[in-house]
Each structure stands twice: as structure tokens, then as C-alpha cells.
Amino acid sequence: MPSTNRERVLLRWLDGLTEVVGRSIAWLVLVMMLVQFAIVVMRYAFGIHSIVMQEAVMYMHAAVFLLGAAWTLRHDGHVRVDIFYRKLSPRGRARIDLAGTLLLLIPVALFIAVSSVDYVRSSWAILERSPDGGIPAVFLLKSLIPVMVALLLVQGLAQLIRQWLILRGRPPHQPDTPDHQEGI
């Protein structure tokens, strides 16, 4: 199999992993809204307060942001200043994205990974619990940090492959997002 085909297969697999995680985690938004609605109804209609439910919303919110970061990167949804970027050719954008991945994304992800190791490890060592009597699994919440890093690095590798293919004049199929549709 020529190297370009292997690169495309790997790219599809990496992007597919990001898609599965991103689309799965998106369902937490619906669950989070329903739990938050229940909290409001319980508090104001019945005077009942639940720390566990409030913390559950916080955990889901953290999971959506941490585990959805790679999906957002995949779909070019992160904030950027694209005054000049959008006017560049696909190869010019590929150069900027390649540099951004190599000089920003990967180093920052690795920094987060290294700096969070002791934080997560110490939480696991004591099986950290909520200080307010809520969910007894703070250590699991903190474990989402290295998972986020892993997912960002997976998507970063996919970005590198994608930009490399574009720079070689063999652009891969773009994700179906409004920014990549014909005529835009």
C-alpha cells in the first residue's frame, strides 16, 4: 500500500476516534440540562437541595469541555484570529496549522500532561472525595485531564497528517462542516 494510502487510513481512523468520542460526549449536554432543570424544580418547587445532583452537573460540564476539546479541534471550532488566515490558500493555511500544531498544540498538551501527573496521582492515592458530601469520585473527575491530553494528541497527529497531505498536494476529504462546504 503506498504511503499516501496508509496516511489516509490512519487519518480516517484517528478522526473516527475523535468523532465517536465527540458525538458520544455531546449527549451529556442533554443529560446535564435535564439534571439542571430537575435541580431548579426540586429547589424552588419543593425546597429540596441535592449536592450530588449539583456536582453531577459540574462533572458533566467538565467532561463535555475536556473530552470535547479534540472534537472541537477536529471541526476547527477553536477560537482563532483569522483576519489573514481565511484569505490564504489551502497550502498557506496548512503551513499555519502545521506550525500551530507543532509549536503550540503538542507542547501545551505535553505540558498539561506533565504538570497534571502529580495532581491526578495524589487524588487517586487518597481516592479523593467531595468535601461537601457529594459525589465520592473527585479522583475520576481529575482523571479526565490526562484523557483530554491523550485525545488532543491523537487529534494533533491527525492534524499533522492532514496538513502534510495538503502540503504534498494530496488533500484529504474535509469534515462535513459549514466551513468546508462548496461555495463558502
N, C-alpha and C. Protein backbone atom coordinates (compact mmCIF):
# COMPACT_ATOMS: atom_id res chain seq x y z
N MET A 1 0.86 -1.17 0.00
CA MET A 1 0.00 0.00 0.00
C MET A 1 0.91 1.24 0.00
N PRO A 2 0.70 2.16 -0.95
CA PRO A 2 1.52 3.38 -0.98
C PRO A 2 1.35 4.17 0.32
N SER A 3 2.40 4.95 0.63
CA SER A 3 2.39 5.67 1.91
C SER A 3 1.22 6.63 2.02
N THR A 4 0.80 7.26 0.92
CA THR A 4 -0.32 8.19 0.99
C THR A 4 -1.59 7.47 1.42
N ASN A 5 -1.80 6.24 0.93
CA ASN A 5 -3.00 5.49 1.34
C ASN A 5 -2.93 5.12 2.81
N ARG A 6 -1.74 4.73 3.30
CA ARG A 6 -1.60 4.43 4.73
C ARG A 6 -1.88 5.67 5.56
N GLU A 7 -1.38 6.81 5.11
CA GLU A 7 -1.62 8.06 5.82
C GLU A 7 -3.10 8.37 5.87
N ARG A 8 -3.78 8.16 4.75
CA ARG A 8 -5.22 8.44 4.70
C ARG A 8 -6.00 7.48 5.61
N VAL A 9 -5.60 6.21 5.64
CA VAL A 9 -6.27 5.23 6.51
C VAL A 9 -6.06 5.61 7.97
N LEU A 10 -4.82 5.95 8.33
CA LEU A 10 -4.54 6.37 9.69
C LEU A 10 -5.32 7.64 10.04
N LEU A 11 -5.36 8.59 9.11
CA LEU A 11 -6.10 9.83 9.33
C LEU A 11 -7.57 9.54 9.56
N ARG A 12 -8.16 8.67 8.74
CA ARG A 12 -9.58 8.31 8.93
C ARG A 12 -9.81 7.65 10.28
N TRP A 13 -8.89 6.78 10.70
CA TRP A 13 -9.03 6.11 11.98
C TRP A 13 -8.93 7.10 13.14
N LEU A 14 -7.93 7.98 13.09
CA LEU A 14 -7.77 8.98 14.15
C LEU A 14 -8.96 9.93 14.21
N ASP A 15 -9.38 10.43 13.06
CA ASP A 15 -10.55 11.30 13.01
C ASP A 15 -11.81 10.57 13.48
N GLY A 16 -11.91 9.29 13.12
CA GLY A 16 -13.07 8.49 13.53
C GLY A 16 -13.14 8.34 15.04
N LEU A 17 -11.99 8.12 15.67
CA LEU A 17 -11.95 8.04 17.13
C LEU A 17 -12.42 9.34 17.76
N THR A 18 -11.92 10.46 17.24
CA THR A 18 -12.32 11.77 17.74
C THR A 18 -13.82 11.98 17.55
N GLU A 19 -14.33 11.56 16.40
CA GLU A 19 -15.78 11.71 16.13
C GLU A 19 -16.62 10.90 17.11
N VAL A 20 -16.24 9.66 17.35
CA VAL A 20 -17.00 8.81 18.26
C VAL A 20 -17.03 9.41 19.67
N VAL A 21 -15.87 9.83 20.15
CA VAL A 21 -15.81 10.43 21.49
C VAL A 21 -16.62 11.72 21.52
N GLY A 22 -16.42 12.58 20.52
CA GLY A 22 -17.11 13.87 20.50
C GLY A 22 -18.62 13.74 20.42
N ARG A 23 -19.10 12.88 19.55
CA ARG A 23 -20.55 12.71 19.41
C ARG A 23 -21.15 12.03 20.64
N SER A 24 -20.40 11.13 21.24
CA SER A 24 -20.89 10.47 22.45
C SER A 24 -20.97 11.45 23.61
N ILE A 25 -19.95 12.24 23.78
CA ILE A 25 -19.90 13.17 24.90
C ILE A 25 -20.95 14.28 24.71
N ALA A 26 -21.32 14.56 23.49
CA ALA A 26 -22.32 15.60 23.24
C ALA A 26 -23.66 15.26 23.90
N TRP A 27 -23.95 13.99 24.07
CA TRP A 27 -25.20 13.60 24.72
C TRP A 27 -25.23 14.03 26.18
N LEU A 28 -24.06 14.23 26.76
CA LEU A 28 -24.03 14.70 28.15
C LEU A 28 -24.65 16.08 28.30
N VAL A 29 -24.61 16.87 27.24
CA VAL A 29 -25.20 18.20 27.30
C VAL A 29 -26.71 18.08 27.57
N LEU A 30 -27.35 17.17 26.89
CA LEU A 30 -28.79 16.96 27.11
C LEU A 30 -29.05 16.45 28.53
N VAL A 31 -28.28 15.47 28.96
CA VAL A 31 -28.44 14.95 30.31
C VAL A 31 -28.19 16.05 31.34
N MET A 32 -27.14 16.84 31.09
CA MET A 32 -26.79 17.92 32.01
C MET A 32 -27.94 18.93 32.12
N MET A 33 -28.57 19.26 31.00
CA MET A 33 -29.69 20.21 31.03
C MET A 33 -30.87 19.64 31.80
N LEU A 34 -31.14 18.35 31.61
CA LEU A 34 -32.26 17.72 32.31
C LEU A 34 -32.01 17.68 33.82
N VAL A 35 -30.78 17.35 34.22
CA VAL A 35 -30.45 17.32 35.65
C VAL A 35 -30.53 18.73 36.23
N GLN A 36 -30.02 19.71 35.50
CA GLN A 36 -30.09 21.10 35.99
C GLN A 36 -31.54 21.56 36.12
N PHE A 37 -32.38 21.19 35.18
CA PHE A 37 -33.80 21.51 35.26
C PHE A 37 -34.42 20.87 36.50
N ALA A 38 -34.07 19.61 36.74
CA ALA A 38 -34.59 18.91 37.92
C ALA A 38 -34.13 19.59 39.21
N ILE A 39 -32.89 20.06 39.23
CA ILE A 39 -32.37 20.76 40.41
C ILE A 39 -33.20 22.01 40.69
N VAL A 40 -33.46 22.77 39.65
CA VAL A 40 -34.22 24.02 39.81
C VAL A 40 -35.64 23.72 40.29
N VAL A 41 -36.28 22.73 39.68
CA VAL A 41 -37.65 22.37 40.08
C VAL A 41 -37.67 21.88 41.53
N MET A 42 -36.72 21.01 41.87
CA MET A 42 -36.67 20.49 43.24
C MET A 42 -36.44 21.61 44.26
N ARG A 43 -35.56 22.54 43.92
CA ARG A 43 -35.22 23.60 44.88
C ARG A 43 -36.38 24.58 45.05
N TYR A 44 -36.92 25.09 43.94
CA TYR A 44 -37.91 26.16 44.04
C TYR A 44 -39.34 25.67 44.20
N ALA A 45 -39.63 24.46 43.73
CA ALA A 45 -41.00 23.95 43.89
C ALA A 45 -41.15 23.15 45.18
N PHE A 46 -40.09 22.45 45.61
CA PHE A 46 -40.21 21.57 46.76
C PHE A 46 -39.25 21.89 47.90
N GLY A 47 -38.36 22.85 47.70
CA GLY A 47 -37.42 23.22 48.75
C GLY A 47 -36.37 22.14 49.02
N ILE A 48 -36.12 21.27 48.06
CA ILE A 48 -35.14 20.18 48.22
C ILE A 48 -33.84 20.58 47.54
N HIS A 49 -32.73 20.35 48.24
CA HIS A 49 -31.40 20.68 47.73
C HIS A 49 -30.58 19.39 47.63
N SER A 50 -29.91 19.18 46.49
CA SER A 50 -29.11 17.96 46.32
C SER A 50 -27.69 18.33 45.88
N ILE A 51 -26.74 18.13 46.77
CA ILE A 51 -25.33 18.39 46.43
C ILE A 51 -24.86 17.42 45.36
N VAL A 52 -25.29 16.17 45.45
CA VAL A 52 -24.88 15.16 44.46
C VAL A 52 -25.33 15.57 43.07
N MET A 53 -26.57 16.04 42.94
CA MET A 53 -27.05 16.45 41.61
C MET A 53 -26.29 17.68 41.11
N GLN A 54 -26.01 18.63 42.00
CA GLN A 54 -25.26 19.81 41.58
C GLN A 54 -23.85 19.43 41.14
N GLU A 55 -23.22 18.54 41.87
CA GLU A 55 -21.89 18.09 41.48
C GLU A 55 -21.94 17.27 40.18
N ALA A 56 -23.02 16.53 39.99
CA ALA A 56 -23.16 15.77 38.75
C ALA A 56 -23.17 16.70 37.54
N VAL A 57 -23.85 17.83 37.67
CA VAL A 57 -23.85 18.82 36.59
C VAL A 57 -22.43 19.34 36.36
N MET A 58 -21.72 19.62 37.45
CA MET A 58 -20.35 20.10 37.33
C MET A 58 -19.46 19.04 36.65
N TYR A 59 -19.60 17.77 37.02
CA TYR A 59 -18.81 16.69 36.43
C TYR A 59 -19.13 16.57 34.93
N MET A 60 -20.40 16.62 34.60
CA MET A 60 -20.77 16.51 33.18
C MET A 60 -20.25 17.69 32.38
N HIS A 61 -20.32 18.86 32.98
CA HIS A 61 -19.82 20.07 32.32
C HIS A 61 -18.32 19.93 32.06
N ALA A 62 -17.59 19.48 33.05
CA ALA A 62 -16.14 19.26 32.89
C ALA A 62 -15.87 18.22 31.81
N ALA A 63 -16.64 17.14 31.81
CA ALA A 63 -16.44 16.08 30.82
C ALA A 63 -16.70 16.59 29.40
N VAL A 64 -17.74 17.40 29.23
CA VAL A 64 -18.04 17.94 27.90
C VAL A 64 -16.88 18.79 27.41
N PHE A 65 -16.36 19.65 28.24
CA PHE A 65 -15.27 20.53 27.81
C PHE A 65 -13.96 19.77 27.63
N LEU A 66 -13.61 18.93 28.58
CA LEU A 66 -12.33 18.23 28.49
C LEU A 66 -12.31 17.18 27.39
N LEU A 67 -13.37 16.39 27.31
CA LEU A 67 -13.39 15.32 26.32
C LEU A 67 -13.86 15.80 24.95
N GLY A 68 -14.47 16.97 24.89
CA GLY A 68 -14.90 17.52 23.61
C GLY A 68 -13.88 18.43 22.94
N ALA A 69 -12.77 18.71 23.61
CA ALA A 69 -11.76 19.61 23.06
C ALA A 69 -11.17 19.09 21.75
N ALA A 70 -10.89 17.80 21.67
CA ALA A 70 -10.32 17.23 20.45
C ALA A 70 -11.33 17.29 19.31
N TRP A 71 -12.61 17.03 19.61
CA TRP A 71 -13.65 17.09 18.59
C TRP A 71 -13.77 18.53 18.05
N THR A 72 -13.68 19.49 18.96
CA THR A 72 -13.75 20.90 18.57
C THR A 72 -12.56 21.25 17.68
N LEU A 73 -11.39 20.75 18.01
CA LEU A 73 -10.21 20.96 17.18
C LEU A 73 -10.42 20.32 15.80
N ARG A 74 -10.94 19.14 15.77
CA ARG A 74 -11.20 18.42 14.51
C ARG A 74 -12.10 19.24 13.58
N HIS A 75 -13.08 19.91 14.17
CA HIS A 75 -14.04 20.67 13.37
C HIS A 75 -13.72 22.15 13.32
N ASP A 76 -12.47 22.49 13.64
CA ASP A 76 -11.97 23.85 13.51
C ASP A 76 -12.84 24.84 14.29
N GLY A 77 -13.25 24.43 15.48
CA GLY A 77 -14.15 25.26 16.28
C GLY A 77 -13.47 26.07 17.36
N HIS A 78 -12.16 25.97 17.48
CA HIS A 78 -11.47 26.75 18.49
C HIS A 78 -11.32 28.19 18.03
N VAL A 79 -11.19 29.07 18.97
CA VAL A 79 -11.07 30.50 18.67
C VAL A 79 -9.73 30.76 18.00
N ARG A 80 -9.77 31.56 16.99
CA ARG A 80 -8.55 31.98 16.31
C ARG A 80 -8.79 33.34 15.69
N VAL A 81 -7.71 34.03 15.43
CA VAL A 81 -7.80 35.31 14.72
C VAL A 81 -7.54 34.97 13.26
N ASP A 82 -8.60 34.98 12.48
CA ASP A 82 -8.38 34.59 11.08
C ASP A 82 -8.62 35.72 10.10
N ILE A 83 -8.16 36.92 10.46
CA ILE A 83 -8.24 38.05 9.55
C ILE A 83 -7.43 37.74 8.29
N PHE A 84 -6.24 37.19 8.49
CA PHE A 84 -5.38 36.84 7.37
C PHE A 84 -5.55 35.38 6.96
N TYR A 85 -5.78 34.52 7.92
CA TYR A 85 -5.84 33.08 7.71
C TYR A 85 -6.86 32.71 6.62
N ARG A 86 -8.05 33.26 6.71
CA ARG A 86 -9.09 32.86 5.75
C ARG A 86 -8.80 33.31 4.33
N LYS A 87 -7.91 34.30 4.17
CA LYS A 87 -7.56 34.77 2.83
C LYS A 87 -6.43 33.96 2.20
N LEU A 88 -5.80 33.09 2.98
CA LEU A 88 -4.70 32.29 2.47
C LEU A 88 -5.20 31.12 1.62
N SER A 89 -4.31 30.61 0.80
CA SER A 89 -4.61 29.40 0.02
C SER A 89 -4.66 28.21 0.98
N PRO A 90 -5.21 27.08 0.54
CA PRO A 90 -5.22 25.89 1.39
C PRO A 90 -3.81 25.50 1.86
N ARG A 91 -2.83 25.66 1.00
CA ARG A 91 -1.45 25.33 1.40
C ARG A 91 -0.94 26.33 2.45
N GLY A 92 -1.29 27.60 2.31
CA GLY A 92 -0.89 28.60 3.30
C GLY A 92 -1.52 28.31 4.65
N ARG A 93 -2.80 27.95 4.64
CA ARG A 93 -3.48 27.58 5.89
C ARG A 93 -2.86 26.32 6.48
N ALA A 94 -2.49 25.38 5.60
CA ALA A 94 -1.87 24.14 6.07
C ALA A 94 -0.54 24.44 6.76
N ARG A 95 0.22 25.37 6.23
CA ARG A 95 1.51 25.73 6.86
C ARG A 95 1.28 26.31 8.26
N ILE A 96 0.30 27.21 8.36
CA ILE A 96 0.00 27.81 9.67
C ILE A 96 -0.51 26.76 10.64
N ASP A 97 -1.41 25.90 10.17
CA ASP A 97 -1.95 24.85 11.05
C ASP A 97 -0.87 23.86 11.47
N LEU A 98 0.02 23.54 10.55
CA LEU A 98 1.13 22.64 10.87
C LEU A 98 2.02 23.26 11.94
N ALA A 99 2.37 24.52 11.75
CA ALA A 99 3.21 25.22 12.74
C ALA A 99 2.48 25.32 14.08
N GLY A 100 1.19 25.64 14.05
CA GLY A 100 0.42 25.74 15.29
C GLY A 100 0.35 24.42 16.03
N THR A 101 0.20 23.33 15.29
CA THR A 101 0.14 22.01 15.91
C THR A 101 1.49 21.65 16.52
N LEU A 102 2.56 21.89 15.77
CA LEU A 102 3.90 21.52 16.25
C LEU A 102 4.41 22.45 17.36
N LEU A 103 4.12 23.74 17.25
CA LEU A 103 4.69 24.71 18.18
C LEU A 103 3.78 25.08 19.35
N LEU A 104 2.49 24.84 19.21
CA LEU A 104 1.55 25.21 20.27
C LEU A 104 0.79 24.01 20.84
N LEU A 105 0.04 23.34 20.00
CA LEU A 105 -0.83 22.26 20.49
C LEU A 105 -0.04 21.17 21.21
N ILE A 106 0.93 20.60 20.54
CA ILE A 106 1.66 19.47 21.13
C ILE A 106 2.45 19.90 22.37
N PRO A 107 3.22 21.00 22.33
CA PRO A 107 3.93 21.38 23.55
C PRO A 107 2.99 21.70 24.73
N VAL A 108 1.88 22.40 24.46
CA VAL A 108 0.96 22.73 25.55
C VAL A 108 0.30 21.46 26.10
N ALA A 109 -0.09 20.55 25.22
CA ALA A 109 -0.69 19.30 25.67
C ALA A 109 0.30 18.51 26.52
N LEU A 110 1.55 18.44 26.09
CA LEU A 110 2.57 17.73 26.86
C LEU A 110 2.83 18.43 28.20
N PHE A 111 2.83 19.76 28.20
CA PHE A 111 3.00 20.50 29.46
C PHE A 111 1.86 20.18 30.42
N ILE A 112 0.63 20.17 29.92
CA ILE A 112 -0.52 19.84 30.76
C ILE A 112 -0.38 18.41 31.29
N ALA A 113 0.05 17.51 30.44
CA ALA A 113 0.22 16.11 30.86
C ALA A 113 1.24 16.01 31.99
N VAL A 114 2.39 16.59 31.79
CA VAL A 114 3.46 16.51 32.78
C VAL A 114 3.06 17.20 34.08
N SER A 115 2.47 18.37 33.97
CA SER A 115 2.13 19.13 35.18
C SER A 115 0.92 18.56 35.92
N SER A 116 0.14 17.71 35.29
CA SER A 116 -1.04 17.16 35.96
C SER A 116 -0.80 15.78 36.56
N VAL A 117 0.34 15.17 36.27
CA VAL A 117 0.60 13.81 36.75
C VAL A 117 0.49 13.72 38.28
N ASP A 118 1.20 14.57 39.01
CA ASP A 118 1.15 14.51 40.47
C ASP A 118 -0.23 14.88 41.00
N TYR A 119 -0.88 15.83 40.36
CA TYR A 119 -2.22 16.26 40.75
C TYR A 119 -3.21 15.09 40.69
N VAL A 120 -3.18 14.37 39.59
CA VAL A 120 -4.09 13.23 39.40
C VAL A 120 -3.65 12.06 40.28
N ARG A 121 -2.36 11.79 40.32
CA ARG A 121 -1.84 10.68 41.12
C ARG A 121 -2.19 10.84 42.60
N SER A 122 -2.01 12.05 43.13
CA SER A 122 -2.31 12.25 44.55
C SER A 122 -3.81 12.13 44.82
N SER A 123 -4.61 12.50 43.87
CA SER A 123 -6.06 12.36 44.03
C SER A 123 -6.44 10.87 44.07
N TRP A 124 -5.81 10.08 43.21
CA TRP A 124 -6.06 8.63 43.21
C TRP A 124 -5.52 7.98 44.47
N ALA A 125 -4.38 8.46 44.96
CA ALA A 125 -3.75 7.85 46.14
C ALA A 125 -4.68 7.88 47.35
N ILE A 126 -5.48 8.93 47.46
CA ILE A 126 -6.39 9.04 48.61
C ILE A 126 -7.84 8.78 48.22
N LEU A 127 -8.04 8.41 46.94
CA LEU A 127 -9.41 8.24 46.41
C LEU A 127 -10.26 9.44 46.83
N GLU A 128 -9.78 10.59 46.38
CA GLU A 128 -10.36 11.88 46.78
C GLU A 128 -11.87 11.92 46.59
N ARG A 129 -12.51 12.45 47.59
CA ARG A 129 -13.98 12.55 47.61
C ARG A 129 -14.37 14.02 47.65
N SER A 130 -15.62 14.27 47.45
CA SER A 130 -16.14 15.62 47.55
C SER A 130 -16.10 16.09 49.00
N PRO A 131 -15.59 17.29 49.24
CA PRO A 131 -15.56 17.78 50.62
C PRO A 131 -16.95 18.14 51.14
N ASP A 132 -17.92 18.26 50.25
CA ASP A 132 -19.27 18.68 50.64
C ASP A 132 -20.23 17.50 50.79
N GLY A 133 -19.71 16.28 50.70
CA GLY A 133 -20.58 15.11 50.84
C GLY A 133 -21.29 14.75 49.56
N GLY A 134 -20.81 15.24 48.44
CA GLY A 134 -21.43 14.94 47.15
C GLY A 134 -20.89 13.65 46.55
N ILE A 135 -20.51 13.72 45.29
CA ILE A 135 -20.03 12.54 44.57
C ILE A 135 -18.67 12.12 45.14
N PRO A 136 -18.54 10.87 45.54
CA PRO A 136 -17.28 10.42 46.14
C PRO A 136 -16.25 9.97 45.09
N ALA A 137 -16.07 10.75 44.05
CA ALA A 137 -15.17 10.33 42.98
C ALA A 137 -14.47 11.52 42.33
N VAL A 138 -13.95 12.42 43.12
CA VAL A 138 -13.22 13.57 42.57
C VAL A 138 -12.01 13.07 41.78
N PHE A 139 -11.43 11.96 42.20
CA PHE A 139 -10.28 11.39 41.51
C PHE A 139 -10.61 11.02 40.06
N LEU A 140 -11.85 10.59 39.82
CA LEU A 140 -12.26 10.28 38.44
C LEU A 140 -12.40 11.55 37.62
N LEU A 141 -12.93 12.59 38.23
CA LEU A 141 -13.05 13.87 37.54
C LEU A 141 -11.67 14.38 37.14
N LYS A 142 -10.73 14.32 38.05
CA LYS A 142 -9.37 14.79 37.75
C LYS A 142 -8.69 13.92 36.70
N SER A 143 -9.10 12.67 36.59
CA SER A 143 -8.53 11.77 35.59
C SER A 143 -8.91 12.16 34.17
N LEU A 144 -9.90 13.02 34.04
CA LEU A 144 -10.27 13.48 32.70
C LEU A 144 -9.18 14.37 32.08
N ILE A 145 -8.33 14.94 32.91
CA ILE A 145 -7.27 15.81 32.39
C ILE A 145 -6.31 15.03 31.49
N PRO A 146 -5.71 13.91 31.97
CA PRO A 146 -4.83 13.18 31.06
C PRO A 146 -5.58 12.54 29.88
N VAL A 147 -6.85 12.22 30.07
CA VAL A 147 -7.63 11.69 28.95
C VAL A 147 -7.79 12.78 27.89
N MET A 148 -8.06 14.01 28.32
CA MET A 148 -8.14 15.14 27.38
C MET A 148 -6.83 15.29 26.62
N VAL A 149 -5.73 15.23 27.34
CA VAL A 149 -4.42 15.36 26.70
C VAL A 149 -4.24 14.27 25.64
N ALA A 150 -4.56 13.04 25.99
CA ALA A 150 -4.42 11.93 25.04
C ALA A 150 -5.28 12.16 23.80
N LEU A 151 -6.51 12.59 24.00
CA LEU A 151 -7.39 12.84 22.86
C LEU A 151 -6.89 14.00 22.01
N LEU A 152 -6.37 15.06 22.64
CA LEU A 152 -5.80 16.17 21.88
C LEU A 152 -4.57 15.74 21.10
N LEU A 153 -3.74 14.89 21.68
CA LEU A 153 -2.56 14.41 20.96
C LEU A 153 -2.95 13.51 19.79
N VAL A 154 -3.98 12.70 19.97
CA VAL A 154 -4.50 11.88 18.86
C VAL A 154 -4.97 12.78 17.73
N GLN A 155 -5.76 13.79 18.08
CA GLN A 155 -6.25 14.70 17.05
C GLN A 155 -5.12 15.55 16.49
N GLY A 156 -4.14 15.89 17.32
CA GLY A 156 -2.97 16.63 16.83
C GLY A 156 -2.22 15.83 15.78
N LEU A 157 -2.08 14.52 16.00
CA LEU A 157 -1.45 13.66 14.99
C LEU A 157 -2.26 13.66 13.71
N ALA A 158 -3.58 13.58 13.86
CA ALA A 158 -4.45 13.64 12.67
C ALA A 158 -4.27 14.97 11.94
N GLN A 159 -4.17 16.06 12.70
CA GLN A 159 -3.96 17.38 12.08
C GLN A 159 -2.63 17.42 11.32
N LEU A 160 -1.59 16.85 11.92
CA LEU A 160 -0.28 16.82 11.25
C LEU A 160 -0.36 16.05 9.94
N ILE A 161 -1.01 14.89 9.97
CA ILE A 161 -1.16 14.09 8.74
C ILE A 161 -1.95 14.87 7.71
N ARG A 162 -3.06 15.48 8.12
CA ARG A 162 -3.91 16.24 7.20
C ARG A 162 -3.12 17.38 6.55
N GLN A 163 -2.40 18.15 7.37
CA GLN A 163 -1.64 19.28 6.83
C GLN A 163 -0.51 18.80 5.91
N TRP A 164 0.13 17.70 6.28
CA TRP A 164 1.19 17.12 5.46
C TRP A 164 0.64 16.71 4.09
N LEU A 165 -0.52 16.08 4.07
CA LEU A 165 -1.14 15.69 2.80
C LEU A 165 -1.47 16.91 1.95
N ILE A 166 -1.98 17.94 2.58
CA ILE A 166 -2.32 19.18 1.84
C ILE A 166 -1.05 19.79 1.26
N LEU A 167 0.01 19.85 2.06
CA LEU A 167 1.27 20.44 1.58
C LEU A 167 1.89 19.61 0.46
N ARG A 168 1.62 18.33 0.45
CA ARG A 168 2.12 17.46 -0.63
C ARG A 168 1.21 17.49 -1.85
N GLY A 169 0.14 18.28 -1.80
CA GLY A 169 -0.78 18.38 -2.93
C GLY A 169 -1.76 17.25 -3.02
N ARG A 170 -2.00 16.53 -1.94
CA ARG A 170 -2.94 15.42 -1.90
C ARG A 170 -3.92 15.61 -0.76
N PRO A 171 -4.78 16.65 -0.84
CA PRO A 171 -5.66 16.96 0.30
C PRO A 171 -6.63 15.83 0.60
N PRO A 172 -6.81 15.54 1.89
CA PRO A 172 -7.79 14.53 2.29
C PRO A 172 -9.19 15.11 2.20
N HIS A 173 -10.18 14.24 2.29
CA HIS A 173 -11.57 14.70 2.35
C HIS A 173 -11.75 15.50 3.62
N GLN A 174 -12.35 16.67 3.53
CA GLN A 174 -12.55 17.54 4.68
C GLN A 174 -13.80 17.12 5.45
N PRO A 175 -13.85 17.40 6.75
CA PRO A 175 -15.06 17.08 7.53
C PRO A 175 -16.24 17.88 7.01
N ASP A 176 -17.41 17.33 7.20
CA ASP A 176 -18.63 17.98 6.74
C ASP A 176 -19.06 19.04 7.73
N THR A 177 -18.43 20.19 7.64
CA THR A 177 -18.79 21.33 8.47
C THR A 177 -19.12 22.48 7.54
N PRO A 178 -19.87 23.47 8.02
CA PRO A 178 -20.23 24.58 7.15
C PRO A 178 -19.02 25.28 6.53
N ASP A 179 -17.89 25.33 7.23
CA ASP A 179 -16.71 26.00 6.70
C ASP A 179 -16.10 25.28 5.51
N HIS A 180 -16.41 24.00 5.35
CA HIS A 180 -15.77 23.23 4.30
C HIS A 180 -16.72 22.86 3.18
N GLN A 181 -17.94 23.39 3.17
CA GLN A 181 -18.89 23.08 2.12
C GLN A 181 -18.58 23.89 0.88
N GLU A 182 -19.02 23.36 -0.24
CA GLU A 182 -18.80 24.04 -1.52
C GLU A 182 -19.41 25.43 -1.51
N GLY A 183 -18.71 26.36 -2.10
CA GLY A 183 -19.24 27.70 -2.28
C GLY A 183 -19.07 28.62 -1.10
N ILE A 184 -18.47 28.16 -0.05
CA ILE A 184 -18.28 29.04 1.12
C ILE A 184 -16.85 29.49 1.17
